[in-house]
Amino acid sequence: MVMSNRTCRVIVKVSRTLASGLYDVARAREQFNREVSIVKGLNHPNIAEYLGVTDHLGQPAIIVAWYPHDNAPAFLMDRSIDIRLHVIKGVIEGLCYLHSKSPAIAHGDIRGNNVFVNNSFEGVLSDFALSQVVDDGFTPPTDLADTMDKNGCIRWMARELIYDEPEVPSPIGLTLASDTWAFGCTFYELLLGQVPYSLRKKHFSHIIHDIVKGVFPFSKADTTRVGCNEAWPVVSGCWRKVPGDRPSIFEIKAKLSHLYD
């Protein structure tokens, strides 16, 4: 890509909804436009830098700055715990930025594959296809869980997005609390090098069953092998049944800062 008479490397992200054929064109275009309206107003070192849009690939696509590692789990293979925690720190900082916006922004799809790594080995949040401004009156699609299932990200999905429990007070759609749930999953995904509910290799219905039954995405026993047991009481709180009982990302940052500072 040429910008200001210079050539630079970029990352081009094609709209998943348009490319997949899961949605009608008008609906997919609306979602793409929502994503663009959100990302073009973001400016933070731990958020992928938005550069523009293009349709030269046959589908609408968002152009973001190039990062040396566009897949955090792949980058972290065989890396030290210190580097893993440094990448996680970037995820926390990026999420704090989104949640501190006025109005706040829920990322909606926090997971390892949506984390880039920059030259300083810091995590950078990307892919805002499911993001939404909290309290903007937007009603998410009723088939959100099915959509996330098809996209392979249901392992990181908060229980209230899957299962409607009348006795549990839960807001409709993506929230800061559902981001917190997904962050807890991503924390251990990046730290341990395994996906949530890793024993469930296929059949997402089994994962949904575990989530509904209250099975955590990771167990305390999983964490003992990396020598980071002190994070468990904080991170496991991300998976509390009632969304309002989960810690905010700001509380998580304060309680985990000693791990990477």
C-alpha atoms as a PDB file:
ATOM      1  CA  MET A   1       0.000   0.000   0.000  1.00  0.00           C
ATOM      2  CA  VAL A   2       1.237   3.516  -0.809  1.00  0.00           C
ATOM      3  CA  MET A   3       0.579   6.286   1.699  1.00  0.00           C
ATOM      4  CA  SER A   4       2.049   9.785   1.489  1.00  0.00           C
ATOM      5  CA  ASN A   5       4.430   8.713  -1.295  1.00  0.00           C
ATOM      6  CA  ARG A   6       5.870   5.886   0.757  1.00  0.00           C
ATOM      7  CA  THR A   7       5.280   2.160   0.724  1.00  0.00           C
ATOM      8  CA  CYS A   8       4.322   0.457   3.953  1.00  0.00           C
ATOM      9  CA  ARG A   9       3.149  -2.960   5.041  1.00  0.00           C
ATOM     10  CA  VAL A  10      -0.405  -3.244   6.308  1.00  0.00           C
ATOM     11  CA  ILE A  11      -2.885  -5.881   7.429  1.00  0.00           C
ATOM     12  CA  VAL A  12      -6.139  -6.135   5.483  1.00  0.00           C
ATOM     13  CA  LYS A  13      -9.096  -7.712   7.283  1.00  0.00           C
ATOM     14  CA  VAL A  14     -11.940  -8.806   5.020  1.00  0.00           C
ATOM     15  CA  SER A  15     -15.441  -8.659   6.504  1.00  0.00           C
ATOM     16  CA  ARG A  16     -16.106 -12.124   7.915  1.00  0.00           C
ATOM     17  CA  THR A  17     -19.870 -11.774   7.687  1.00  0.00           C
ATOM     18  CA  LEU A  18     -19.858 -10.805   4.020  1.00  0.00           C
ATOM     19  CA  ALA A  19     -17.243 -13.384   3.073  1.00  0.00           C
ATOM     20  CA  SER A  20     -18.928 -16.225   4.975  1.00  0.00           C
ATOM     21  CA  GLY A  21     -22.347 -15.857   3.388  1.00  0.00           C
ATOM     22  CA  LEU A  22     -24.008 -16.265   6.798  1.00  0.00           C
ATOM     23  CA  TYR A  23     -25.884 -12.979   6.455  1.00  0.00           C
ATOM     24  CA  ASP A  24     -27.759 -11.130   3.758  1.00  0.00           C
ATOM     25  CA  VAL A  25     -25.685  -8.432   2.129  1.00  0.00           C
ATOM     26  CA  ALA A  26     -27.558  -5.496   3.660  1.00  0.00           C
ATOM     27  CA  ARG A  27     -27.206  -6.850   7.185  1.00  0.00           C
ATOM     28  CA  ALA A  28     -23.540  -7.709   6.732  1.00  0.00           C
ATOM     29  CA  ARG A  29     -22.822  -4.282   5.283  1.00  0.00           C
ATOM     30  CA  GLU A  30     -24.542  -2.651   8.265  1.00  0.00           C
ATOM     31  CA  GLN A  31     -22.353  -4.631  10.658  1.00  0.00           C
ATOM     32  CA  PHE A  32     -19.237  -3.732   8.673  1.00  0.00           C
ATOM     33  CA  ASN A  33     -20.161  -0.043   8.789  1.00  0.00           C
ATOM     34  CA  ARG A  34     -20.692  -0.294  12.550  1.00  0.00           C
ATOM     35  CA  GLU A  35     -17.231  -1.794  12.958  1.00  0.00           C
ATOM     36  CA  VAL A  36     -15.674   0.989  10.888  1.00  0.00           C
ATOM     37  CA  SER A  37     -17.506   3.682  12.849  1.00  0.00           C
ATOM     38  CA  ILE A  38     -16.054   2.269  16.062  1.00  0.00           C
ATOM     39  CA  VAL A  39     -12.454   1.556  15.060  1.00  0.00           C
ATOM     40  CA  LYS A  40     -11.828   4.832  13.256  1.00  0.00           C
ATOM     41  CA  GLY A  41     -12.356   6.687  16.532  1.00  0.00           C
ATOM     42  CA  LEU A  42      -9.852   4.605  18.513  1.00  0.00           C
ATOM     43  CA  ASN A  43      -6.310   5.702  19.285  1.00  0.00           C
ATOM     44  CA  HIS A  44      -4.242   3.628  21.698  1.00  0.00           C
ATOM     45  CA  PRO A  45      -0.953   1.692  21.399  1.00  0.00           C
ATOM     46  CA  ASN A  46      -2.692  -1.543  22.406  1.00  0.00           C
ATOM     47  CA  ILE A  47      -5.483  -1.184  19.840  1.00  0.00           C
ATOM     48  CA  ALA A  48      -4.773  -2.067  16.199  1.00  0.00           C
ATOM     49  CA  GLU A  49      -4.256   1.208  14.335  1.00  0.00           C
ATOM     50  CA  TYR A  50      -7.015   1.869  11.815  1.00  0.00           C
ATOM     51  CA  LEU A  51      -5.799   3.173   8.431  1.00  0.00           C
ATOM     52  CA  GLY A  52      -8.869   2.990   6.210  1.00  0.00           C
ATOM     53  CA  VAL A  53     -11.122   0.692   4.170  1.00  0.00           C
ATOM     54  CA  THR A  54     -10.920  -0.921   0.753  1.00  0.00           C
ATOM     55  CA  ASP A  55     -13.125  -3.011  -1.524  1.00  0.00           C
ATOM     56  CA  HIS A  56     -10.379  -3.913  -3.981  1.00  0.00           C
ATOM     57  CA  LEU A  57     -10.424  -7.548  -2.815  1.00  0.00           C
ATOM     58  CA  GLY A  58     -14.011  -8.074  -3.881  1.00  0.00           C
ATOM     59  CA  GLN A  59     -15.336  -7.670  -0.336  1.00  0.00           C
ATOM     60  CA  PRO A  60     -15.247  -4.682   2.021  1.00  0.00           C
ATOM     61  CA  ALA A  61     -12.122  -4.813   4.156  1.00  0.00           C
ATOM     62  CA  ILE A  62     -10.562  -2.777   6.936  1.00  0.00           C
ATOM     63  CA  ILE A  63      -6.914  -1.773   6.667  1.00  0.00           C
ATOM     64  CA  VAL A  64      -4.896  -1.631   9.877  1.00  0.00           C
ATOM     65  CA  ALA A  65      -1.234  -1.039  10.584  1.00  0.00           C
ATOM     66  CA  TRP A  66       1.133  -3.960  10.166  1.00  0.00           C
ATOM     67  CA  TYR A  67       2.318  -5.786  13.284  1.00  0.00           C
ATOM     68  CA  PRO A  68       5.188  -8.280  13.270  1.00  0.00           C
ATOM     69  CA  HIS A  69       3.063 -11.026  14.801  1.00  0.00           C
ATOM     70  CA  ASP A  70      -0.607 -11.225  13.832  1.00  0.00           C
ATOM     71  CA  ASN A  71      -1.473 -14.223  15.991  1.00  0.00           C
ATOM     72  CA  ALA A  72      -0.536 -14.121  19.671  1.00  0.00           C
ATOM     73  CA  PRO A  73      -1.004 -17.860  20.414  1.00  0.00           C
ATOM     74  CA  ALA A  74       1.320 -18.799  17.553  1.00  0.00           C
ATOM     75  CA  PHE A  75       3.880 -16.190  18.620  1.00  0.00           C
ATOM     76  CA  LEU A  76       3.840 -17.397  22.229  1.00  0.00           C
ATOM     77  CA  MET A  77       4.637 -21.010  21.450  1.00  0.00           C
ATOM     78  CA  ASP A  78       7.788 -21.868  23.436  1.00  0.00           C
ATOM     79  CA  ARG A  79       7.997 -18.320  24.859  1.00  0.00           C
ATOM     80  CA  SER A  80       8.742 -17.620  28.506  1.00  0.00           C
ATOM     81  CA  ILE A  81       6.110 -16.841  31.130  1.00  0.00           C
ATOM     82  CA  ASP A  82       7.479 -13.295  31.371  1.00  0.00           C
ATOM     83  CA  ILE A  83       6.849 -12.659  27.676  1.00  0.00           C
ATOM     84  CA  ARG A  84       3.394 -14.223  27.926  1.00  0.00           C
ATOM     85  CA  LEU A  85       2.511 -11.926  30.808  1.00  0.00           C
ATOM     86  CA  HIS A  86       3.834  -8.939  28.876  1.00  0.00           C
ATOM     87  CA  VAL A  87       1.526  -9.749  25.970  1.00  0.00           C
ATOM     88  CA  ILE A  88      -1.372 -10.139  28.411  1.00  0.00           C
ATOM     89  CA  LYS A  89      -0.531  -6.743  29.887  1.00  0.00           C
ATOM     90  CA  GLY A  90      -1.126  -5.201  26.468  1.00  0.00           C
ATOM     91  CA  VAL A  91      -4.514  -6.904  26.242  1.00  0.00           C
ATOM     92  CA  ILE A  92      -5.460  -5.480  29.645  1.00  0.00           C
ATOM     93  CA  GLU A  93      -4.340  -1.980  28.666  1.00  0.00           C
ATOM     94  CA  GLY A  94      -6.260  -2.107  25.403  1.00  0.00           C
ATOM     95  CA  LEU A  95      -9.384  -3.361  27.125  1.00  0.00           C
ATOM     96  CA  CYS A  96      -9.118  -0.692  29.827  1.00  0.00           C
ATOM     97  CA  TYR A  97      -9.004   1.905  27.065  1.00  0.00           C
ATOM     98  CA  LEU A  98     -12.164   0.559  25.413  1.00  0.00           C
ATOM     99  CA  HIS A  99     -14.056   0.280  28.688  1.00  0.00           C
ATOM    100  CA  SER A 100     -13.012   3.782  29.755  1.00  0.00           C
ATOM    101  CA  LYS A 101     -14.421   5.424  26.625  1.00  0.00           C
ATOM    102  CA  SER A 102     -17.565   7.517  27.019  1.00  0.00           C
ATOM    103  CA  PRO A 103     -19.744   5.747  26.159  1.00  0.00           C
ATOM    104  CA  ALA A 104     -17.848   2.533  26.827  1.00  0.00           C
ATOM    105  CA  ILE A 105     -17.096   0.062  24.049  1.00  0.00           C
ATOM    106  CA  ALA A 106     -17.500  -3.696  24.440  1.00  0.00           C
ATOM    107  CA  HIS A 107     -15.022  -5.501  22.181  1.00  0.00           C
ATOM    108  CA  GLY A 108     -17.240  -8.556  21.896  1.00  0.00           C
ATOM    109  CA  ASP A 109     -14.701 -11.080  20.598  1.00  0.00           C
ATOM    110  CA  ILE A 110     -11.679 -11.163  22.881  1.00  0.00           C
ATOM    111  CA  ARG A 111      -9.558 -14.246  22.236  1.00  0.00           C
ATOM    112  CA  GLY A 112      -5.993 -15.087  21.345  1.00  0.00           C
ATOM    113  CA  ASN A 113      -6.500 -15.080  17.585  1.00  0.00           C
ATOM    114  CA  ASN A 114      -7.661 -11.467  17.818  1.00  0.00           C
ATOM    115  CA  VAL A 115      -4.488 -10.307  19.542  1.00  0.00           C
ATOM    116  CA  PHE A 116      -1.520  -9.026  17.554  1.00  0.00           C
ATOM    117  CA  VAL A 117       1.935  -8.612  19.106  1.00  0.00           C
ATOM    118  CA  ASN A 118       4.016  -5.497  18.440  1.00  0.00           C
ATOM    119  CA  ASN A 119       7.792  -5.026  18.406  1.00  0.00           C
ATOM    120  CA  SER A 120       7.784  -4.446  22.171  1.00  0.00           C
ATOM    121  CA  PHE A 121       6.110  -7.822  22.747  1.00  0.00           C
ATOM    122  CA  GLU A 122       2.891  -6.128  23.847  1.00  0.00           C
ATOM    123  CA  GLY A 123      -0.538  -7.472  22.984  1.00  0.00           C
ATOM    124  CA  VAL A 124      -2.615  -5.366  20.579  1.00  0.00           C
ATOM    125  CA  LEU A 125      -6.382  -5.914  20.323  1.00  0.00           C
ATOM    126  CA  SER A 126      -7.774  -6.340  16.821  1.00  0.00           C
ATOM    127  CA  ASP A 127     -10.959  -7.466  15.030  1.00  0.00           C
ATOM    128  CA  PHE A 128     -13.855  -5.318  16.160  1.00  0.00           C
ATOM    129  CA  ALA A 129     -16.475  -7.053  14.001  1.00  0.00           C
ATOM    130  CA  LEU A 130     -18.702  -7.799  17.008  1.00  0.00           C
ATOM    131  CA  SER A 131     -17.899  -4.656  18.981  1.00  0.00           C
ATOM    132  CA  GLN A 132     -20.628  -2.307  20.096  1.00  0.00           C
ATOM    133  CA  VAL A 133     -20.989   0.927  21.961  1.00  0.00           C
ATOM    134  CA  VAL A 134     -22.634   0.137  25.285  1.00  0.00           C
ATOM    135  CA  ASP A 135     -26.075   1.709  25.715  1.00  0.00           C
ATOM    136  CA  ASP A 136     -26.306   2.926  22.121  1.00  0.00           C
ATOM    137  CA  GLY A 137     -29.680   1.267  21.688  1.00  0.00           C
ATOM    138  CA  PHE A 138     -28.311  -1.396  19.355  1.00  0.00           C
ATOM    139  CA  THR A 139     -29.955  -4.800  19.713  1.00  0.00           C
ATOM    140  CA  PRO A 140     -27.610  -7.665  18.833  1.00  0.00           C
ATOM    141  CA  PRO A 141     -28.803 -10.369  16.443  1.00  0.00           C
ATOM    142  CA  THR A 142     -30.882 -13.081  18.068  1.00  0.00           C
ATOM    143  CA  ASP A 143     -28.604 -15.722  16.565  1.00  0.00           C
ATOM    144  CA  LEU A 144     -25.446 -14.265  18.136  1.00  0.00           C
ATOM    145  CA  ALA A 145     -24.501 -17.561  19.799  1.00  0.00           C
ATOM    146  CA  ASP A 146     -24.996 -19.444  16.541  1.00  0.00           C
ATOM    147  CA  THR A 147     -22.891 -16.878  14.704  1.00  0.00           C
ATOM    148  CA  MET A 148     -20.076 -17.141  17.249  1.00  0.00           C
ATOM    149  CA  ASP A 149     -20.362 -20.933  17.075  1.00  0.00           C
ATOM    150  CA  LYS A 150     -19.793 -20.819  13.312  1.00  0.00           C
ATOM    151  CA  ASN A 151     -16.849 -18.473  13.801  1.00  0.00           C
ATOM    152  CA  GLY A 152     -15.294 -20.867  16.308  1.00  0.00           C
ATOM    153  CA  CYS A 153     -15.286 -18.429  19.218  1.00  0.00           C
ATOM    154  CA  ILE A 154     -17.998 -19.869  21.434  1.00  0.00           C
ATOM    155  CA  ARG A 155     -15.284 -21.198  23.786  1.00  0.00           C
ATOM    156  CA  TRP A 156     -14.717 -17.601  24.944  1.00  0.00           C
ATOM    157  CA  MET A 157     -18.401 -16.667  25.109  1.00  0.00           C
ATOM    158  CA  ALA A 158     -20.036 -15.556  28.375  1.00  0.00           C
ATOM    159  CA  ARG A 159     -22.775 -17.837  29.685  1.00  0.00           C
ATOM    160  CA  GLU A 160     -25.494 -15.152  29.545  1.00  0.00           C
ATOM    161  CA  LEU A 161     -24.954 -14.884  25.787  1.00  0.00           C
ATOM    162  CA  ILE A 162     -25.713 -18.590  25.465  1.00  0.00           C
ATOM    163  CA  TYR A 163     -28.251 -19.362  28.155  1.00  0.00           C
ATOM    164  CA  ASP A 164     -31.101 -17.159  29.341  1.00  0.00           C
ATOM    165  CA  GLU A 165     -31.592 -17.759  33.061  1.00  0.00           C
ATOM    166  CA  PRO A 166     -34.697 -15.950  34.389  1.00  0.00           C
ATOM    167  CA  GLU A 167     -33.352 -16.034  37.947  1.00  0.00           C
ATOM    168  CA  VAL A 168     -30.042 -14.416  36.970  1.00  0.00           C
ATOM    169  CA  PRO A 169     -30.186 -10.675  36.216  1.00  0.00           C
ATOM    170  CA  SER A 170     -28.411 -10.275  32.884  1.00  0.00           C
ATOM    171  CA  PRO A 171     -28.418  -7.489  30.294  1.00  0.00           C
ATOM    172  CA  ILE A 172     -29.213  -8.316  26.693  1.00  0.00           C
ATOM    173  CA  GLY A 173     -26.291  -8.663  24.317  1.00  0.00           C
ATOM    174  CA  LEU A 174     -22.610  -7.894  24.596  1.00  0.00           C
ATOM    175  CA  THR A 175     -21.499  -5.948  27.664  1.00  0.00           C
ATOM    176  CA  LEU A 176     -18.371  -5.008  29.560  1.00  0.00           C
ATOM    177  CA  ALA A 177     -19.096  -8.011  31.796  1.00  0.00           C
ATOM    178  CA  SER A 178     -19.149 -10.379  28.818  1.00  0.00           C
ATOM    179  CA  ASP A 179     -15.794  -8.876  27.799  1.00  0.00           C
ATOM    180  CA  THR A 180     -14.533  -9.656  31.300  1.00  0.00           C
ATOM    181  CA  TRP A 181     -15.569 -13.298  30.893  1.00  0.00           C
ATOM    182  CA  ALA A 182     -13.758 -13.531  27.561  1.00  0.00           C
ATOM    183  CA  PHE A 183     -10.671 -11.824  28.988  1.00  0.00           C
ATOM    184  CA  GLY A 184     -10.467 -14.472  31.720  1.00  0.00           C
ATOM    185  CA  CYS A 185     -10.493 -17.125  29.007  1.00  0.00           C
ATOM    186  CA  THR A 186      -7.881 -15.266  26.977  1.00  0.00           C
ATOM    187  CA  PHE A 187      -5.643 -14.718  30.008  1.00  0.00           C
ATOM    188  CA  TYR A 188      -5.171 -18.446  30.497  1.00  0.00           C
ATOM    189  CA  GLU A 189      -5.223 -19.192  26.778  1.00  0.00           C
ATOM    190  CA  LEU A 190      -2.149 -16.989  26.331  1.00  0.00           C
ATOM    191  CA  LEU A 191      -0.525 -18.049  29.590  1.00  0.00           C
ATOM    192  CA  LEU A 192      -0.995 -21.809  29.161  1.00  0.00           C
ATOM    193  CA  GLY A 193      -1.042 -22.134  25.387  1.00  0.00           C
ATOM    194  CA  GLN A 194      -4.370 -23.931  25.235  1.00  0.00           C
ATOM    195  CA  VAL A 195      -7.896 -22.900  24.334  1.00  0.00           C
ATOM    196  CA  PRO A 196     -10.752 -22.767  26.867  1.00  0.00           C
ATOM    197  CA  TYR A 197     -12.452 -26.130  27.421  1.00  0.00           C
ATOM    198  CA  SER A 198      -9.470 -27.733  25.709  1.00  0.00           C
ATOM    199  CA  LEU A 199     -10.675 -31.260  26.517  1.00  0.00           C
ATOM    200  CA  ARG A 200     -13.661 -30.623  24.262  1.00  0.00           C
ATOM    201  CA  LYS A 201     -12.023 -31.117  20.880  1.00  0.00           C
ATOM    202  CA  LYS A 202     -15.189 -30.953  18.779  1.00  0.00           C
ATOM    203  CA  HIS A 203     -18.953 -30.718  19.145  1.00  0.00           C
ATOM    204  CA  PHE A 204     -19.599 -27.221  20.425  1.00  0.00           C
ATOM    205  CA  SER A 205     -22.827 -28.513  21.984  1.00  0.00           C
ATOM    206  CA  HIS A 206     -20.628 -30.146  24.641  1.00  0.00           C
ATOM    207  CA  ILE A 207     -18.939 -26.823  25.344  1.00  0.00           C
ATOM    208  CA  ILE A 208     -22.318 -25.133  25.681  1.00  0.00           C
ATOM    209  CA  HIS A 209     -23.361 -27.880  28.092  1.00  0.00           C
ATOM    210  CA  ASP A 210     -20.264 -27.232  30.216  1.00  0.00           C
ATOM    211  CA  ILE A 211     -20.864 -23.479  30.245  1.00  0.00           C
ATOM    212  CA  VAL A 212     -24.502 -23.873  31.261  1.00  0.00           C
ATOM    213  CA  LYS A 213     -23.547 -26.341  34.006  1.00  0.00           C
ATOM    214  CA  GLY A 214     -21.052 -23.859  35.440  1.00  0.00           C
ATOM    215  CA  VAL A 215     -17.869 -25.674  34.403  1.00  0.00           C
ATOM    216  CA  PHE A 216     -15.007 -23.174  34.234  1.00  0.00           C
ATOM    217  CA  PRO A 217     -13.064 -22.806  30.946  1.00  0.00           C
ATOM    218  CA  PHE A 218      -9.886 -23.700  32.872  1.00  0.00           C
ATOM    219  CA  SER A 219      -9.266 -25.397  36.192  1.00  0.00           C
ATOM    220  CA  LYS A 220      -7.036 -24.335  39.045  1.00  0.00           C
ATOM    221  CA  ALA A 221      -5.001 -27.472  38.410  1.00  0.00           C
ATOM    222  CA  ASP A 222      -4.221 -26.194  34.895  1.00  0.00           C
ATOM    223  CA  THR A 223      -2.518 -23.125  36.342  1.00  0.00           C
ATOM    224  CA  THR A 224      -0.158 -24.910  38.723  1.00  0.00           C
ATOM    225  CA  ARG A 225       2.182 -26.005  35.942  1.00  0.00           C
ATOM    226  CA  VAL A 226       3.129 -22.424  35.049  1.00  0.00           C
ATOM    227  CA  GLY A 227       3.747 -21.202  38.594  1.00  0.00           C
ATOM    228  CA  CYS A 228       1.193 -18.403  38.464  1.00  0.00           C
ATOM    229  CA  ASN A 229      -1.273 -19.578  41.089  1.00  0.00           C
ATOM    230  CA  GLU A 230      -1.813 -16.116  42.576  1.00  0.00           C
ATOM    231  CA  ALA A 231      -3.739 -15.043  39.475  1.00  0.00           C
ATOM    232  CA  TRP A 232      -6.417 -17.712  39.900  1.00  0.00           C
ATOM    233  CA  PRO A 233      -8.618 -15.989  42.539  1.00  0.00           C
ATOM    234  CA  VAL A 234      -8.737 -12.866  40.366  1.00  0.00           C
ATOM    235  CA  VAL A 235      -9.142 -14.411  36.929  1.00  0.00           C
ATOM    236  CA  SER A 236     -11.614 -17.107  37.975  1.00  0.00           C
ATOM    237  CA  GLY A 237     -13.851 -14.273  39.174  1.00  0.00           C
ATOM    238  CA  CYS A 238     -14.307 -13.383  35.504  1.00  0.00           C
ATOM    239  CA  TRP A 239     -16.541 -16.453  35.181  1.00  0.00           C
ATOM    240  CA  ARG A 240     -19.066 -15.673  37.876  1.00  0.00           C
ATOM    241  CA  LYS A 241     -22.602 -16.539  36.861  1.00  0.00           C
ATOM    242  CA  VAL A 242     -24.077 -13.093  37.513  1.00  0.00           C
ATOM    243  CA  PRO A 243     -22.479 -10.530  35.152  1.00  0.00           C
ATOM    244  CA  GLY A 244     -22.643  -7.779  37.759  1.00  0.00           C
ATOM    245  CA  ASP A 245     -20.588  -9.881  40.185  1.00  0.00           C
ATOM    246  CA  ARG A 246     -17.570 -10.068  37.876  1.00  0.00           C
ATOM    247  CA  PRO A 247     -14.624  -7.736  38.440  1.00  0.00           C
ATOM    248  CA  SER A 248     -14.168  -4.843  36.058  1.00  0.00           C
ATOM    249  CA  ILE A 249     -11.098  -4.814  33.845  1.00  0.00           C
ATOM    250  CA  PHE A 250      -9.805  -1.931  35.972  1.00  0.00           C
ATOM    251  CA  GLU A 251     -10.017  -4.065  39.124  1.00  0.00           C
ATOM    252  CA  ILE A 252      -8.303  -6.903  37.304  1.00  0.00           C
ATOM    253  CA  LYS A 253      -5.517  -4.592  36.163  1.00  0.00           C
ATOM    254  CA  ALA A 254      -4.915  -3.348  39.712  1.00  0.00           C
ATOM    255  CA  LYS A 255      -4.824  -6.853  41.182  1.00  0.00           C
ATOM    256  CA  LEU A 256      -2.594  -8.402  38.519  1.00  0.00           C
ATOM    257  CA  SER A 257      -0.168  -5.527  37.915  1.00  0.00           C
ATOM    258  CA  HIS A 258       2.477  -7.078  40.172  1.00  0.00           C
ATOM    259  CA  LEU A 259       2.763 -10.014  37.769  1.00  0.00           C
ATOM    260  CA  TYR A 260       4.203  -7.994  34.897  1.00  0.00           C
ATOM    261  CA  ASP A 261       5.447  -4.657  36.315  1.00  0.00           C
END
